[in-house]
N, C-alpha and C. Protein backbone atom coordinates (compact mmCIF):
# COMPACT_ATOMS: atom_id res chain seq x y z
N MET A 1 134.44 56.14 75.75
CA MET A 1 134.06 56.68 77.04
C MET A 1 135.26 56.74 78.01
N LEU A 2 136.13 55.80 77.89
CA LEU A 2 137.30 55.76 78.76
C LEU A 2 138.23 56.94 78.50
N TYR A 3 138.35 57.34 77.24
CA TYR A 3 139.23 58.46 76.91
C TYR A 3 138.70 59.77 77.50
N VAL A 4 137.40 59.93 77.62
CA VAL A 4 136.83 61.13 78.22
C VAL A 4 137.20 61.20 79.70
N ILE A 5 137.11 60.08 80.38
CA ILE A 5 137.46 60.02 81.80
C ILE A 5 138.96 60.28 81.97
N LEU A 6 139.77 59.72 81.09
CA LEU A 6 141.21 59.93 81.16
C LEU A 6 141.59 61.39 80.93
N ILE A 7 140.98 62.02 79.96
CA ILE A 7 141.24 63.44 79.68
C ILE A 7 140.78 64.30 80.87
N ALA A 8 139.63 63.99 81.45
CA ALA A 8 139.14 64.74 82.60
C ALA A 8 140.10 64.59 83.79
N ALA A 9 140.63 63.39 83.99
CA ALA A 9 141.57 63.16 85.09
C ALA A 9 142.85 63.96 84.87
N VAL A 10 143.34 64.01 83.64
CA VAL A 10 144.56 64.77 83.34
C VAL A 10 144.32 66.26 83.56
N VAL A 11 143.18 66.78 83.14
CA VAL A 11 142.87 68.20 83.32
C VAL A 11 142.75 68.54 84.81
N ILE A 12 142.09 67.71 85.58
CA ILE A 12 141.96 67.95 87.02
C ILE A 12 143.32 67.89 87.69
N PHE A 13 144.15 66.94 87.32
CA PHE A 13 145.49 66.84 87.88
C PHE A 13 146.30 68.09 87.55
N TRP A 14 146.20 68.57 86.32
CA TRP A 14 146.93 69.76 85.92
C TRP A 14 146.47 70.99 86.71
N LEU A 15 145.17 71.14 86.93
CA LEU A 15 144.66 72.29 87.67
C LEU A 15 145.07 72.27 89.13
N VAL A 16 145.20 71.07 89.71
CA VAL A 16 145.52 70.96 91.13
C VAL A 16 147.02 70.94 91.37
N ALA A 17 147.77 70.21 90.59
CA ALA A 17 149.17 69.94 90.91
C ALA A 17 150.17 70.95 90.34
N VAL A 18 149.84 71.63 89.29
CA VAL A 18 150.80 72.52 88.64
C VAL A 18 150.88 73.84 89.41
N ASP A 19 152.10 74.26 89.71
CA ASP A 19 152.35 75.51 90.42
C ASP A 19 152.21 76.68 89.45
N ARG A 20 151.24 77.59 89.70
CA ARG A 20 150.98 78.69 88.78
C ARG A 20 150.96 80.03 89.50
N PRO A 21 152.11 80.55 89.87
CA PRO A 21 152.12 81.87 90.52
C PRO A 21 151.89 82.99 89.50
N VAL A 22 151.37 84.11 89.99
CA VAL A 22 151.17 85.29 89.15
C VAL A 22 152.52 85.97 88.89
N LEU A 23 153.40 85.93 89.91
CA LEU A 23 154.71 86.55 89.82
C LEU A 23 155.72 85.67 90.53
N LYS A 24 156.90 85.51 89.92
CA LYS A 24 157.98 84.74 90.53
C LYS A 24 159.26 85.55 90.37
N VAL A 25 159.91 85.84 91.52
CA VAL A 25 161.14 86.63 91.53
C VAL A 25 162.22 85.80 92.20
N SER A 26 163.37 85.68 91.52
CA SER A 26 164.51 84.96 92.08
C SER A 26 165.59 85.95 92.48
N PHE A 27 166.17 85.73 93.67
CA PHE A 27 167.22 86.59 94.20
C PHE A 27 168.53 85.82 94.22
N ASP A 28 169.63 86.54 93.94
CA ASP A 28 170.93 85.89 93.94
C ASP A 28 171.98 86.82 94.54
N HIS A 29 172.14 86.77 95.84
CA HIS A 29 173.19 87.48 96.59
C HIS A 29 173.36 88.94 96.17
N GLY A 30 172.38 89.76 96.51
CA GLY A 30 172.50 91.19 96.29
C GLY A 30 171.93 91.70 94.98
N LYS A 31 171.22 90.86 94.23
CA LYS A 31 170.59 91.33 93.00
C LYS A 31 169.37 90.46 92.68
N ILE A 32 168.50 91.02 91.86
CA ILE A 32 167.34 90.27 91.37
C ILE A 32 167.79 89.56 90.11
N SER A 33 167.78 88.23 90.14
CA SER A 33 168.33 87.50 89.00
C SER A 33 167.29 87.19 87.93
N LYS A 34 166.04 86.91 88.33
CA LYS A 34 165.05 86.55 87.32
C LYS A 34 163.67 86.98 87.78
N ILE A 35 162.88 87.54 86.86
CA ILE A 35 161.50 87.94 87.14
C ILE A 35 160.61 87.28 86.10
N LYS A 36 159.58 86.58 86.56
CA LYS A 36 158.62 85.97 85.66
C LYS A 36 157.24 86.46 86.05
N GLY A 37 156.61 87.22 85.19
CA GLY A 37 155.31 87.81 85.46
C GLY A 37 155.41 89.33 85.48
N HIS A 38 154.26 89.98 85.71
CA HIS A 38 154.22 91.45 85.74
C HIS A 38 154.54 91.94 87.14
N ILE A 39 155.47 92.89 87.22
CA ILE A 39 155.84 93.51 88.49
C ILE A 39 155.69 95.01 88.35
N PRO A 40 154.93 95.66 89.25
CA PRO A 40 154.80 97.12 89.18
C PRO A 40 156.16 97.80 89.37
N PRO A 41 156.42 98.89 88.66
CA PRO A 41 157.73 99.55 88.73
C PRO A 41 158.12 100.01 90.14
N SER A 42 157.16 100.52 90.90
CA SER A 42 157.49 100.99 92.25
C SER A 42 157.87 99.83 93.16
N PHE A 43 157.19 98.69 93.01
CA PHE A 43 157.53 97.52 93.82
C PHE A 43 158.89 96.97 93.42
N LYS A 44 159.21 97.01 92.13
CA LYS A 44 160.52 96.55 91.67
C LYS A 44 161.62 97.43 92.24
N HIS A 45 161.39 98.73 92.27
CA HIS A 45 162.37 99.65 92.83
C HIS A 45 162.59 99.39 94.32
N ASN A 46 161.50 99.23 95.07
CA ASN A 46 161.60 98.95 96.51
C ASN A 46 162.26 97.60 96.76
N LEU A 47 161.95 96.63 95.94
CA LEU A 47 162.54 95.30 96.07
C LEU A 47 164.04 95.35 95.80
N GLN A 48 164.44 96.10 94.80
CA GLN A 48 165.86 96.24 94.49
C GLN A 48 166.60 96.92 95.64
N ASP A 49 165.97 97.89 96.27
CA ASP A 49 166.57 98.57 97.42
C ASP A 49 166.75 97.60 98.59
N ILE A 50 165.77 96.76 98.85
CA ILE A 50 165.87 95.77 99.93
C ILE A 50 166.98 94.77 99.63
N VAL A 51 167.06 94.31 98.39
CA VAL A 51 168.06 93.32 98.00
C VAL A 51 169.46 93.92 98.06
N ASP A 52 169.60 95.20 97.72
CA ASP A 52 170.92 95.86 97.78
C ASP A 52 171.46 95.92 99.20
N HIS A 53 170.59 96.15 100.17
CA HIS A 53 171.02 96.28 101.56
C HIS A 53 171.18 94.94 102.27
N ASN A 54 170.54 93.89 101.77
CA ASN A 54 170.61 92.57 102.40
C ASN A 54 170.98 91.54 101.34
N SER A 55 172.14 90.96 101.46
CA SER A 55 172.59 89.98 100.49
C SER A 55 172.07 88.59 100.88
N PHE A 56 171.24 88.01 100.03
CA PHE A 56 170.68 86.68 100.27
C PHE A 56 170.31 86.05 98.94
N ALA A 57 170.04 84.78 98.98
CA ALA A 57 169.57 84.06 97.79
C ALA A 57 168.23 83.44 98.13
N GLY A 58 167.43 83.16 97.11
CA GLY A 58 166.13 82.54 97.32
C GLY A 58 165.15 83.01 96.27
N GLU A 59 163.87 82.76 96.55
CA GLU A 59 162.85 83.21 95.61
C GLU A 59 161.56 83.57 96.33
N MET A 60 160.76 84.39 95.65
CA MET A 60 159.48 84.83 96.15
C MET A 60 158.44 84.53 95.07
N LYS A 61 157.28 84.03 95.50
CA LYS A 61 156.18 83.78 94.57
C LYS A 61 154.94 84.49 95.07
N VAL A 62 154.15 85.03 94.14
CA VAL A 62 152.91 85.71 94.46
C VAL A 62 151.79 84.93 93.79
N TYR A 63 150.82 84.51 94.61
CA TYR A 63 149.67 83.76 94.12
C TYR A 63 148.41 84.61 94.24
N SER A 64 147.53 84.50 93.26
CA SER A 64 146.26 85.20 93.30
C SER A 64 145.21 84.27 93.89
N GLN A 65 144.54 84.74 94.94
CA GLN A 65 143.48 83.98 95.58
C GLN A 65 142.22 84.82 95.63
N ARG A 66 141.13 84.22 96.04
CA ARG A 66 139.88 84.97 96.14
C ARG A 66 139.97 86.10 97.15
N THR A 67 140.70 85.89 98.22
CA THR A 67 140.80 86.89 99.28
C THR A 67 141.86 87.94 99.00
N GLY A 68 142.65 87.77 97.97
CA GLY A 68 143.71 88.71 97.64
C GLY A 68 144.97 87.99 97.21
N MET A 69 146.08 88.64 97.33
CA MET A 69 147.36 88.07 96.93
C MET A 69 148.03 87.39 98.12
N ARG A 70 148.73 86.30 97.85
CA ARG A 70 149.47 85.58 98.89
C ARG A 70 150.92 85.49 98.47
N LEU A 71 151.81 85.91 99.35
CA LEU A 71 153.25 85.87 99.10
C LEU A 71 153.84 84.65 99.79
N THR A 72 154.68 83.93 99.06
CA THR A 72 155.42 82.81 99.65
C THR A 72 156.89 83.01 99.34
N PHE A 73 157.72 82.62 100.29
CA PHE A 73 159.16 82.78 100.16
C PHE A 73 159.84 81.43 100.35
N SER A 74 161.01 81.27 99.75
CA SER A 74 161.79 80.06 99.98
C SER A 74 162.45 80.16 101.36
N LYS A 75 162.96 79.05 101.85
CA LYS A 75 163.54 79.01 103.20
C LYS A 75 164.81 79.84 103.32
N GLU A 76 165.47 80.13 102.21
CA GLU A 76 166.72 80.87 102.24
C GLU A 76 166.52 82.36 102.53
N VAL A 77 165.31 82.87 102.32
CA VAL A 77 165.04 84.29 102.53
C VAL A 77 164.83 84.52 104.04
N PRO A 78 165.63 85.41 104.67
CA PRO A 78 165.49 85.65 106.11
C PRO A 78 164.13 86.24 106.47
N LYS A 79 163.67 85.98 107.68
CA LYS A 79 162.35 86.43 108.14
C LYS A 79 162.25 87.96 108.15
N LYS A 80 163.30 88.65 108.53
CA LYS A 80 163.26 90.12 108.55
C LYS A 80 163.12 90.68 107.14
N VAL A 81 163.77 90.06 106.19
CA VAL A 81 163.66 90.50 104.79
C VAL A 81 162.26 90.19 104.26
N GLN A 82 161.71 89.04 104.63
CA GLN A 82 160.35 88.71 104.22
C GLN A 82 159.37 89.77 104.69
N GLN A 83 159.53 90.21 105.94
CA GLN A 83 158.62 91.22 106.48
C GLN A 83 158.79 92.55 105.77
N ARG A 84 160.02 92.92 105.45
CA ARG A 84 160.25 94.18 104.72
C ARG A 84 159.60 94.13 103.34
N ILE A 85 159.68 92.97 102.67
CA ILE A 85 159.05 92.83 101.35
C ILE A 85 157.53 92.88 101.47
N ARG A 86 156.98 92.24 102.50
CA ARG A 86 155.52 92.28 102.72
C ARG A 86 155.06 93.71 102.99
N ASN A 87 155.88 94.51 103.67
CA ASN A 87 155.50 95.89 103.98
C ASN A 87 155.43 96.76 102.74
N VAL A 88 156.26 96.52 101.74
CA VAL A 88 156.25 97.36 100.54
C VAL A 88 155.44 96.74 99.40
N PHE A 89 154.85 95.57 99.61
CA PHE A 89 154.10 94.90 98.55
C PHE A 89 152.83 95.68 98.23
N PRO A 90 152.62 96.05 96.95
CA PRO A 90 151.43 96.83 96.57
C PRO A 90 150.24 95.91 96.24
N HIS A 91 149.37 95.69 97.21
CA HIS A 91 148.24 94.79 96.98
C HIS A 91 147.30 95.32 95.91
N GLN A 92 147.19 96.64 95.76
CA GLN A 92 146.33 97.21 94.72
C GLN A 92 147.03 97.23 93.36
N GLY A 93 148.32 97.03 93.31
CA GLY A 93 149.06 97.04 92.04
C GLY A 93 148.85 95.78 91.23
N PHE A 94 148.37 94.73 91.87
CA PHE A 94 148.14 93.47 91.19
C PHE A 94 146.64 93.30 90.96
N LYS A 95 146.14 93.95 89.95
CA LYS A 95 144.72 93.86 89.64
C LYS A 95 144.49 92.68 88.69
N THR A 96 143.43 91.96 88.94
CA THR A 96 143.08 90.83 88.09
C THR A 96 141.82 91.16 87.31
N ASN A 97 141.56 90.39 86.28
CA ASN A 97 140.37 90.59 85.46
C ASN A 97 139.20 89.74 85.94
N LYS A 98 139.33 89.10 87.07
CA LYS A 98 138.25 88.27 87.60
C LYS A 98 137.10 89.17 88.03
N GLY A 99 135.93 88.76 87.66
CA GLY A 99 134.75 89.51 88.08
C GLY A 99 134.41 90.68 87.16
N LYS A 100 135.29 91.05 86.27
CA LYS A 100 135.02 92.15 85.35
C LYS A 100 134.49 91.58 84.04
N LYS A 101 133.49 92.22 83.53
CA LYS A 101 132.93 91.77 82.25
C LYS A 101 133.32 92.77 81.18
N SER A 102 133.80 92.26 80.08
CA SER A 102 134.16 93.14 78.97
C SER A 102 133.09 93.07 77.90
N ALA A 103 132.88 94.19 77.22
CA ALA A 103 131.84 94.24 76.20
C ALA A 103 132.32 93.69 74.89
């Protein structure tokens, strides 16, 4: 019985504590250095254009929530650049399979 409680505690800890973004993009002084997850081609093009004009380092994460997508940025990303990225972010481009039933 104790092992069941221990396994349940580990699973709950994993669901709460582990950072699981849908998309993670790392920037490195004028270029996109690493992309983890699916990124729509038009958003990638717009993001590359923003990064070309503004040299900075940092990262952006996109989380899927019930109300939609949430963007978070590291402290190194300037506020003006954050707003430009939010303006070109395609909220309809990140479709999830939640709520859809497959046959």
